[in-house]
């Protein structure tokens, strides 16, 4: 199985999602990895989604839940490099306002 993500540490942890398609078959595993990263690396987290060309509702739920958990810990989550297709999905659902997106 392809690794789901890569990590670059610093003041802010940058997590790069390596899969093109994130759906119910892998979003739970990604969420678990993100939670482990958050538990072991204090500070803010940036998720780079440049490789992701398709998401489903489980992906959106995973991102919303992870963002909620980060906010509870007074930490920030930033999502960067959205592909146009993924940005359209988030815009259509009117949920971009819940995330910091660059």
N, C-alpha and C. Protein backbone atom coordinates (compact mmCIF):
# COMPACT_ATOMS: atom_id res chain seq x y z
N UNK A 1 0.84 -1.18 0.00
CA UNK A 1 0.00 0.00 0.00
C UNK A 1 0.88 1.24 0.00
N UNK A 2 0.50 2.23 -0.76
CA UNK A 2 1.22 3.49 -0.83
C UNK A 2 1.11 4.22 0.50
N UNK A 3 2.20 4.88 0.91
CA UNK A 3 2.14 5.67 2.13
C UNK A 3 1.12 6.79 1.92
N UNK A 4 0.34 7.08 2.93
CA UNK A 4 -0.75 8.03 2.83
C UNK A 4 -0.28 9.47 2.86
N UNK A 5 0.84 9.70 3.55
CA UNK A 5 1.28 11.08 3.72
C UNK A 5 2.76 11.13 4.05
N UNK A 6 3.32 12.32 3.90
CA UNK A 6 4.69 12.56 4.33
C UNK A 6 4.68 13.74 5.29
N UNK A 7 5.70 13.81 6.13
CA UNK A 7 5.75 14.81 7.19
C UNK A 7 7.05 15.59 7.11
N UNK A 8 6.93 16.91 7.25
CA UNK A 8 8.10 17.77 7.36
C UNK A 8 7.93 18.58 8.64
N UNK A 9 8.90 18.48 9.56
CA UNK A 9 8.77 19.15 10.84
C UNK A 9 9.46 20.50 10.84
N UNK A 10 9.04 21.32 11.75
CA UNK A 10 9.57 22.66 11.95
C UNK A 10 8.66 23.31 12.98
N UNK A 11 8.59 24.65 12.98
CA UNK A 11 7.66 25.32 13.90
C UNK A 11 6.23 24.88 13.64
N UNK A 12 5.91 24.74 12.37
CA UNK A 12 4.62 24.20 11.94
C UNK A 12 4.89 22.87 11.25
N UNK A 13 4.12 21.87 11.59
CA UNK A 13 4.26 20.56 10.94
C UNK A 13 3.55 20.63 9.60
N UNK A 14 4.24 20.26 8.54
CA UNK A 14 3.61 20.19 7.23
C UNK A 14 3.40 18.74 6.85
N UNK A 15 2.15 18.38 6.60
CA UNK A 15 1.78 17.04 6.20
C UNK A 15 1.35 17.10 4.74
N UNK A 16 1.99 16.34 3.90
CA UNK A 16 1.63 16.28 2.49
C UNK A 16 0.87 14.99 2.24
N UNK A 17 -0.38 15.13 1.78
CA UNK A 17 -1.16 13.95 1.42
C UNK A 17 -0.65 13.45 0.08
N UNK A 18 -0.28 12.19 0.02
CA UNK A 18 0.37 11.67 -1.18
C UNK A 18 -0.59 10.98 -2.15
N UNK A 19 -1.80 10.71 -1.71
CA UNK A 19 -2.76 10.01 -2.56
C UNK A 19 -3.50 10.99 -3.47
N UNK A 20 -3.88 10.54 -4.66
CA UNK A 20 -4.69 11.37 -5.55
C UNK A 20 -6.16 11.32 -5.18
N UNK A 21 -6.61 10.16 -4.71
CA UNK A 21 -8.02 9.96 -4.40
C UNK A 21 -8.16 9.63 -2.92
N UNK A 22 -8.91 10.48 -2.21
CA UNK A 22 -9.15 10.23 -0.79
C UNK A 22 -10.65 10.00 -0.64
N UNK A 23 -10.97 8.83 -0.12
CA UNK A 23 -12.37 8.46 0.02
C UNK A 23 -12.54 7.60 1.26
N UNK A 24 -13.71 6.97 1.38
CA UNK A 24 -13.99 6.20 2.59
C UNK A 24 -13.04 5.02 2.77
N UNK A 25 -12.34 4.63 1.73
CA UNK A 25 -11.39 3.52 1.85
C UNK A 25 -10.09 3.92 2.53
N UNK A 26 -9.78 5.21 2.58
CA UNK A 26 -8.51 5.61 3.19
C UNK A 26 -8.61 6.83 4.12
N UNK A 27 -9.74 7.51 4.17
CA UNK A 27 -9.84 8.72 5.00
C UNK A 27 -9.70 8.42 6.49
N UNK A 28 -10.20 7.28 6.94
CA UNK A 28 -10.06 6.92 8.36
C UNK A 28 -8.58 6.72 8.72
N UNK A 29 -7.85 6.05 7.86
CA UNK A 29 -6.42 5.84 8.12
C UNK A 29 -5.66 7.16 8.12
N UNK A 30 -6.04 8.06 7.23
CA UNK A 30 -5.40 9.39 7.20
C UNK A 30 -5.71 10.13 8.49
N UNK A 31 -6.96 10.09 8.93
CA UNK A 31 -7.34 10.76 10.17
C UNK A 31 -6.54 10.21 11.35
N UNK A 32 -6.40 8.90 11.43
CA UNK A 32 -5.62 8.31 12.50
C UNK A 32 -4.17 8.77 12.47
N UNK A 33 -3.59 8.83 11.28
CA UNK A 33 -2.20 9.32 11.15
C UNK A 33 -2.10 10.78 11.58
N UNK A 34 -3.07 11.60 11.16
CA UNK A 34 -3.07 13.01 11.55
C UNK A 34 -3.18 13.16 13.07
N UNK A 35 -4.03 12.36 13.69
CA UNK A 35 -4.18 12.43 15.14
C UNK A 35 -2.88 12.01 15.84
N UNK A 36 -2.20 11.01 15.33
CA UNK A 36 -0.91 10.60 15.90
C UNK A 36 0.12 11.70 15.75
N UNK A 37 0.13 12.34 14.60
CA UNK A 37 1.07 13.45 14.37
C UNK A 37 0.77 14.57 15.35
N UNK A 38 -0.50 14.93 15.49
CA UNK A 38 -0.88 16.01 16.40
C UNK A 38 -0.52 15.67 17.84
N UNK A 39 -0.64 14.41 18.21
CA UNK A 39 -0.33 13.99 19.59
C UNK A 39 1.16 14.04 19.88
N UNK A 40 1.99 13.84 18.88
CA UNK A 40 3.44 13.75 19.12
C UNK A 40 4.20 15.01 18.72
N UNK A 41 3.55 15.91 17.99
CA UNK A 41 4.20 17.15 17.56
C UNK A 41 3.34 18.34 17.98
N UNK A 42 3.76 19.06 19.01
CA UNK A 42 2.98 20.22 19.42
C UNK A 42 3.05 21.31 18.35
N UNK A 43 2.09 22.16 18.34
CA UNK A 43 2.09 23.27 17.40
C UNK A 43 1.06 23.11 16.32
N UNK A 44 1.11 24.03 15.37
CA UNK A 44 0.14 24.07 14.30
C UNK A 44 0.49 23.07 13.20
N UNK A 45 -0.52 22.75 12.39
CA UNK A 45 -0.33 21.77 11.32
C UNK A 45 -0.84 22.36 10.02
N UNK A 46 -0.06 22.14 8.96
CA UNK A 46 -0.46 22.50 7.61
C UNK A 46 -0.60 21.22 6.81
N UNK A 47 -1.71 21.10 6.09
CA UNK A 47 -1.93 19.95 5.22
C UNK A 47 -1.81 20.41 3.78
N UNK A 48 -0.85 19.85 3.07
CA UNK A 48 -0.64 20.14 1.65
C UNK A 48 -1.43 19.12 0.83
N UNK A 49 -2.40 19.62 0.06
CA UNK A 49 -3.27 18.74 -0.72
C UNK A 49 -3.01 18.84 -2.22
N UNK A 50 -1.81 19.23 -2.61
CA UNK A 50 -1.49 19.42 -4.03
C UNK A 50 -1.66 18.15 -4.85
N UNK A 51 -1.46 16.98 -4.24
CA UNK A 51 -1.57 15.71 -4.97
C UNK A 51 -3.00 15.20 -5.09
N UNK A 52 -3.90 15.77 -4.29
CA UNK A 52 -5.26 15.23 -4.19
C UNK A 52 -6.14 15.81 -5.29
N UNK A 53 -6.71 14.93 -6.11
CA UNK A 53 -7.57 15.39 -7.20
C UNK A 53 -9.04 15.02 -6.99
N UNK A 54 -9.32 14.19 -5.98
CA UNK A 54 -10.70 13.80 -5.73
C UNK A 54 -10.90 13.48 -4.26
N UNK A 55 -12.01 14.00 -3.70
CA UNK A 55 -12.37 13.70 -2.32
C UNK A 55 -13.85 13.33 -2.28
N UNK A 56 -14.25 12.66 -1.21
CA UNK A 56 -15.66 12.37 -1.01
C UNK A 56 -16.10 12.90 0.35
N UNK A 57 -17.33 12.60 0.72
CA UNK A 57 -17.89 13.14 1.97
C UNK A 57 -17.11 12.66 3.20
N UNK A 58 -16.54 11.46 3.14
CA UNK A 58 -15.77 10.98 4.30
C UNK A 58 -14.50 11.81 4.49
N UNK A 59 -13.93 12.29 3.39
CA UNK A 59 -12.75 13.15 3.46
C UNK A 59 -13.11 14.48 4.11
N UNK A 60 -14.23 15.03 3.68
CA UNK A 60 -14.68 16.31 4.24
C UNK A 60 -14.95 16.15 5.73
N UNK A 61 -15.64 15.09 6.10
CA UNK A 61 -15.92 14.84 7.52
C UNK A 61 -14.62 14.70 8.32
N UNK A 62 -13.65 14.01 7.75
CA UNK A 62 -12.37 13.82 8.42
C UNK A 62 -11.67 15.17 8.63
N UNK A 63 -11.67 16.03 7.62
CA UNK A 63 -11.03 17.33 7.74
C UNK A 63 -11.75 18.22 8.75
N UNK A 64 -13.08 18.21 8.73
CA UNK A 64 -13.86 19.00 9.69
C UNK A 64 -13.57 18.53 11.11
N UNK A 65 -13.55 17.22 11.32
CA UNK A 65 -13.30 16.67 12.65
C UNK A 65 -11.88 16.99 13.12
N UNK A 66 -10.91 16.84 12.25
CA UNK A 66 -9.53 17.13 12.65
C UNK A 66 -9.38 18.62 12.96
N UNK A 67 -10.00 19.48 12.18
CA UNK A 67 -9.96 20.91 12.44
C UNK A 67 -10.59 21.23 13.79
N UNK A 68 -11.72 20.59 14.11
CA UNK A 68 -12.37 20.80 15.40
C UNK A 68 -11.46 20.39 16.56
N UNK A 69 -10.81 19.26 16.40
CA UNK A 69 -9.91 18.78 17.44
C UNK A 69 -8.72 19.72 17.61
N UNK A 70 -8.20 20.23 16.52
CA UNK A 70 -7.08 21.18 16.62
C UNK A 70 -7.52 22.45 17.34
N UNK A 71 -8.70 22.96 17.00
CA UNK A 71 -9.20 24.18 17.65
C UNK A 71 -9.42 23.97 19.15
N UNK A 72 -9.89 22.79 19.53
CA UNK A 72 -10.06 22.49 20.95
C UNK A 72 -8.75 22.59 21.71
N UNK A 73 -7.66 22.31 21.02
CA UNK A 73 -6.33 22.37 21.64
C UNK A 73 -5.65 23.72 21.40
N UNK A 74 -6.42 24.70 20.89
CA UNK A 74 -5.92 26.04 20.61
C UNK A 74 -4.75 26.02 19.63
N UNK A 75 -4.91 25.15 18.64
CA UNK A 75 -3.91 25.02 17.58
C UNK A 75 -4.61 25.30 16.26
N UNK A 76 -3.83 25.63 15.25
CA UNK A 76 -4.47 25.92 13.96
C UNK A 76 -4.13 24.86 12.92
N UNK A 77 -5.08 24.69 12.02
CA UNK A 77 -4.92 23.82 10.87
C UNK A 77 -5.05 24.69 9.63
N UNK A 78 -4.07 24.61 8.75
CA UNK A 78 -4.10 25.32 7.48
C UNK A 78 -4.04 24.30 6.36
N UNK A 79 -4.87 24.50 5.35
CA UNK A 79 -4.86 23.63 4.18
C UNK A 79 -4.30 24.43 3.02
N UNK A 80 -3.31 23.86 2.33
CA UNK A 80 -2.67 24.57 1.23
C UNK A 80 -2.73 23.75 -0.06
N UNK A 81 -2.55 24.47 -1.15
CA UNK A 81 -2.40 23.87 -2.48
C UNK A 81 -3.57 22.98 -2.91
N UNK A 82 -4.78 23.47 -2.68
CA UNK A 82 -5.95 22.72 -3.16
C UNK A 82 -5.96 22.69 -4.68
N UNK A 83 -6.23 21.54 -5.24
CA UNK A 83 -6.41 21.46 -6.69
C UNK A 83 -7.77 22.08 -7.03
N UNK A 84 -7.95 22.54 -8.27
CA UNK A 84 -9.22 23.17 -8.63
C UNK A 84 -10.44 22.27 -8.37
N UNK A 85 -10.32 20.98 -8.64
CA UNK A 85 -11.45 20.07 -8.43
C UNK A 85 -11.83 19.98 -6.95
N UNK A 86 -10.84 19.87 -6.09
CA UNK A 86 -11.11 19.78 -4.66
C UNK A 86 -11.65 21.11 -4.15
N UNK A 87 -11.10 22.21 -4.61
CA UNK A 87 -11.59 23.54 -4.21
C UNK A 87 -13.05 23.71 -4.61
N UNK A 88 -13.43 23.24 -5.80
CA UNK A 88 -14.83 23.34 -6.24
C UNK A 88 -15.76 22.59 -5.30
N UNK A 89 -15.36 21.40 -4.89
CA UNK A 89 -16.19 20.61 -3.98
C UNK A 89 -16.38 21.37 -2.67
N UNK A 90 -15.31 21.87 -2.10
CA UNK A 90 -15.40 22.60 -0.83
C UNK A 90 -16.22 23.87 -0.98
N UNK A 91 -16.06 24.57 -2.11
CA UNK A 91 -16.84 25.78 -2.36
C UNK A 91 -18.33 25.47 -2.51
N UNK A 92 -18.64 24.41 -3.24
CA UNK A 92 -20.05 24.03 -3.45
C UNK A 92 -20.75 23.72 -2.13
N UNK A 93 -20.02 23.15 -1.21
CA UNK A 93 -20.59 22.79 0.09
C UNK A 93 -20.53 23.94 1.10
N UNK A 94 -19.96 25.05 0.68
CA UNK A 94 -19.86 26.25 1.53
C UNK A 94 -19.14 25.97 2.85
N UNK A 95 -18.11 25.17 2.80
CA UNK A 95 -17.38 24.88 4.03
C UNK A 95 -15.97 25.47 4.06
N UNK A 96 -15.60 26.17 3.01
CA UNK A 96 -14.25 26.77 3.02
C UNK A 96 -14.11 27.78 4.15
N UNK A 97 -15.22 28.36 4.60
CA UNK A 97 -15.16 29.35 5.68
C UNK A 97 -14.75 28.74 7.01
N UNK A 98 -14.82 27.42 7.12
CA UNK A 98 -14.46 26.76 8.36
C UNK A 98 -12.97 26.43 8.45
N UNK A 99 -12.26 26.64 7.37
CA UNK A 99 -10.83 26.29 7.31
C UNK A 99 -10.00 27.51 6.95
N UNK A 100 -8.75 27.47 7.35
CA UNK A 100 -7.77 28.43 6.83
C UNK A 100 -7.18 27.78 5.59
N UNK A 101 -7.43 28.41 4.43
CA UNK A 101 -6.97 27.84 3.16
C UNK A 101 -6.07 28.87 2.49
N UNK A 102 -4.89 28.39 2.08
CA UNK A 102 -3.97 29.26 1.34
C UNK A 102 -3.67 28.62 0.02
